[in-house]
Amino acid sequence: MECDDCVYNTYDDENDVFYCSVNLDEDDMARFMSRKYKYCPYFKNGDEYQVVKHQM
């Protein structure tokens, strides 16, 4: 799943859940929720090993 590797996938200790921490204003959120995306436009790879492999 794309969200599992995303840098914006943040864990909330208090509620014991993961959530998307992308900072969207109300208009952006409405636009994002109303469209059906095949892939998330805000995805940013949080896999540190992938970043290091790219730098080598």
N, C-alpha and C. Protein backbone atom coordinates (compact mmCIF):
# COMPACT_ATOMS: atom_id res chain seq x y z
N MET A 1 0.85 -1.19 0.00
CA MET A 1 0.00 0.00 0.00
C MET A 1 0.88 1.24 0.00
N GLU A 2 0.53 2.21 -0.78
CA GLU A 2 1.31 3.42 -0.95
C GLU A 2 1.49 4.19 0.36
N CYS A 3 0.47 4.27 1.19
CA CYS A 3 0.53 5.05 2.43
C CYS A 3 1.54 4.48 3.42
N ASP A 4 1.75 3.18 3.41
CA ASP A 4 2.67 2.56 4.36
C ASP A 4 4.10 3.07 4.19
N ASP A 5 4.49 3.44 2.99
CA ASP A 5 5.84 3.91 2.71
C ASP A 5 5.96 5.43 2.63
N CYS A 6 4.87 6.13 2.86
CA CYS A 6 4.85 7.59 2.70
C CYS A 6 5.43 8.28 3.93
N VAL A 7 6.18 9.33 3.70
CA VAL A 7 6.78 10.10 4.78
C VAL A 7 5.70 10.84 5.59
N TYR A 8 4.54 11.07 5.02
CA TYR A 8 3.45 11.76 5.70
C TYR A 8 2.56 10.83 6.53
N ASN A 9 2.82 9.54 6.51
CA ASN A 9 2.05 8.57 7.28
C ASN A 9 2.54 8.64 8.73
N THR A 10 1.77 9.28 9.60
CA THR A 10 2.19 9.58 10.96
C THR A 10 1.37 8.78 11.96
N TYR A 11 2.04 8.27 12.99
CA TYR A 11 1.38 7.47 14.01
C TYR A 11 0.95 8.36 15.17
N ASP A 12 -0.29 8.21 15.61
CA ASP A 12 -0.83 8.94 16.75
C ASP A 12 -0.89 7.98 17.94
N ASP A 13 0.00 8.16 18.91
CA ASP A 13 0.07 7.29 20.09
C ASP A 13 -1.22 7.31 20.90
N GLU A 14 -1.79 8.48 21.03
CA GLU A 14 -2.97 8.64 21.86
C GLU A 14 -4.17 7.84 21.35
N ASN A 15 -4.37 7.86 20.04
CA ASN A 15 -5.51 7.16 19.45
C ASN A 15 -5.14 5.82 18.81
N ASP A 16 -3.85 5.49 18.81
CA ASP A 16 -3.36 4.23 18.27
C ASP A 16 -3.76 4.02 16.81
N VAL A 17 -3.58 5.07 16.00
CA VAL A 17 -3.90 5.02 14.57
C VAL A 17 -2.83 5.76 13.76
N PHE A 18 -2.74 5.42 12.48
CA PHE A 18 -1.91 6.17 11.54
C PHE A 18 -2.81 7.16 10.80
N TYR A 19 -2.27 8.31 10.44
CA TYR A 19 -3.03 9.29 9.67
C TYR A 19 -2.11 10.03 8.72
N CYS A 20 -2.69 10.64 7.71
CA CYS A 20 -1.93 11.42 6.74
C CYS A 20 -1.72 12.82 7.29
N SER A 21 -0.46 13.24 7.41
CA SER A 21 -0.15 14.53 8.01
C SER A 21 0.12 15.63 6.98
N VAL A 22 -0.31 15.44 5.74
CA VAL A 22 -0.15 16.48 4.73
C VAL A 22 -1.00 17.67 5.15
N ASN A 23 -0.40 18.84 5.12
CA ASN A 23 -1.09 20.06 5.55
C ASN A 23 -1.89 20.64 4.37
N LEU A 24 -3.17 20.33 4.32
CA LEU A 24 -4.05 20.82 3.25
C LEU A 24 -5.03 21.84 3.82
N ASP A 25 -5.26 22.91 3.08
CA ASP A 25 -6.31 23.83 3.51
C ASP A 25 -7.66 23.24 3.11
N GLU A 26 -8.73 23.90 3.48
CA GLU A 26 -10.08 23.36 3.27
C GLU A 26 -10.39 23.13 1.79
N ASP A 27 -9.97 24.06 0.93
CA ASP A 27 -10.22 23.93 -0.51
C ASP A 27 -9.44 22.75 -1.10
N ASP A 28 -8.17 22.63 -0.71
CA ASP A 28 -7.36 21.51 -1.21
C ASP A 28 -7.92 20.17 -0.75
N MET A 29 -8.37 20.11 0.50
CA MET A 29 -8.93 18.86 1.03
C MET A 29 -10.20 18.49 0.27
N ALA A 30 -11.06 19.44 0.01
CA ALA A 30 -12.29 19.17 -0.74
C ALA A 30 -11.96 18.69 -2.15
N ARG A 31 -10.99 19.32 -2.79
CA ARG A 31 -10.57 18.93 -4.13
C ARG A 31 -10.00 17.51 -4.12
N PHE A 32 -9.18 17.22 -3.11
CA PHE A 32 -8.58 15.89 -3.00
C PHE A 32 -9.63 14.81 -2.75
N MET A 33 -10.58 15.08 -1.88
CA MET A 33 -11.61 14.10 -1.54
C MET A 33 -12.63 13.88 -2.66
N SER A 34 -12.83 14.87 -3.51
CA SER A 34 -13.83 14.76 -4.57
C SER A 34 -13.33 14.02 -5.81
N ARG A 35 -12.02 13.91 -5.96
CA ARG A 35 -11.46 13.23 -7.13
C ARG A 35 -11.04 11.82 -6.77
N LYS A 36 -11.08 10.97 -7.75
CA LYS A 36 -10.61 9.60 -7.55
C LYS A 36 -9.23 9.48 -8.20
N TYR A 37 -8.22 9.41 -7.37
CA TYR A 37 -6.86 9.30 -7.85
C TYR A 37 -6.43 7.84 -7.88
N LYS A 38 -5.71 7.48 -8.92
CA LYS A 38 -5.13 6.14 -8.97
C LYS A 38 -3.96 6.07 -7.99
N TYR A 39 -3.19 7.15 -7.91
CA TYR A 39 -2.08 7.27 -6.98
C TYR A 39 -2.20 8.61 -6.25
N CYS A 40 -1.79 8.64 -5.01
CA CYS A 40 -1.88 9.87 -4.21
C CYS A 40 -0.93 10.93 -4.77
N PRO A 41 -1.41 12.13 -5.05
CA PRO A 41 -0.54 13.19 -5.59
C PRO A 41 0.41 13.76 -4.54
N TYR A 42 0.21 13.44 -3.28
CA TYR A 42 1.05 13.98 -2.20
C TYR A 42 2.06 12.96 -1.69
N PHE A 43 2.12 11.79 -2.31
CA PHE A 43 3.02 10.74 -1.86
C PHE A 43 4.47 11.18 -1.95
N LYS A 44 5.20 10.94 -0.87
CA LYS A 44 6.63 11.20 -0.84
C LYS A 44 7.27 9.99 -0.16
N ASN A 45 8.18 9.33 -0.86
CA ASN A 45 8.76 8.10 -0.35
C ASN A 45 9.55 8.36 0.93
N GLY A 46 9.19 7.65 1.99
CA GLY A 46 9.86 7.78 3.26
C GLY A 46 10.85 6.67 3.53
N ASP A 47 11.11 5.83 2.52
CA ASP A 47 12.04 4.72 2.66
C ASP A 47 13.47 5.26 2.59
N GLU A 48 14.14 5.34 3.74
CA GLU A 48 15.49 5.90 3.80
C GLU A 48 16.48 5.07 2.99
N TYR A 49 16.30 3.76 2.93
CA TYR A 49 17.20 2.91 2.16
C TYR A 49 17.09 3.20 0.67
N GLN A 50 15.90 3.49 0.21
CA GLN A 50 15.69 3.81 -1.21
C GLN A 50 16.42 5.11 -1.54
N VAL A 51 16.38 6.08 -0.64
CA VAL A 51 17.06 7.36 -0.86
C VAL A 51 18.57 7.14 -0.94
N VAL A 52 19.12 6.34 -0.03
CA VAL A 52 20.56 6.07 -0.01
C VAL A 52 20.99 5.35 -1.27
N LYS A 53 20.20 4.37 -1.72
CA LYS A 53 20.54 3.63 -2.95
C LYS A 53 20.61 4.58 -4.14
N HIS A 54 19.73 5.57 -4.17
CA HIS A 54 19.71 6.54 -5.27
C HIS A 54 20.96 7.42 -5.25
N GLN A 55 21.50 7.71 -4.08
CA GLN A 55 22.65 8.59 -3.95
C GLN A 55 23.96 7.89 -4.32
N MET A 56 23.97 6.56 -4.30
CA MET A 56 25.20 5.81 -4.57
C MET A 56 25.57 5.80 -6.03
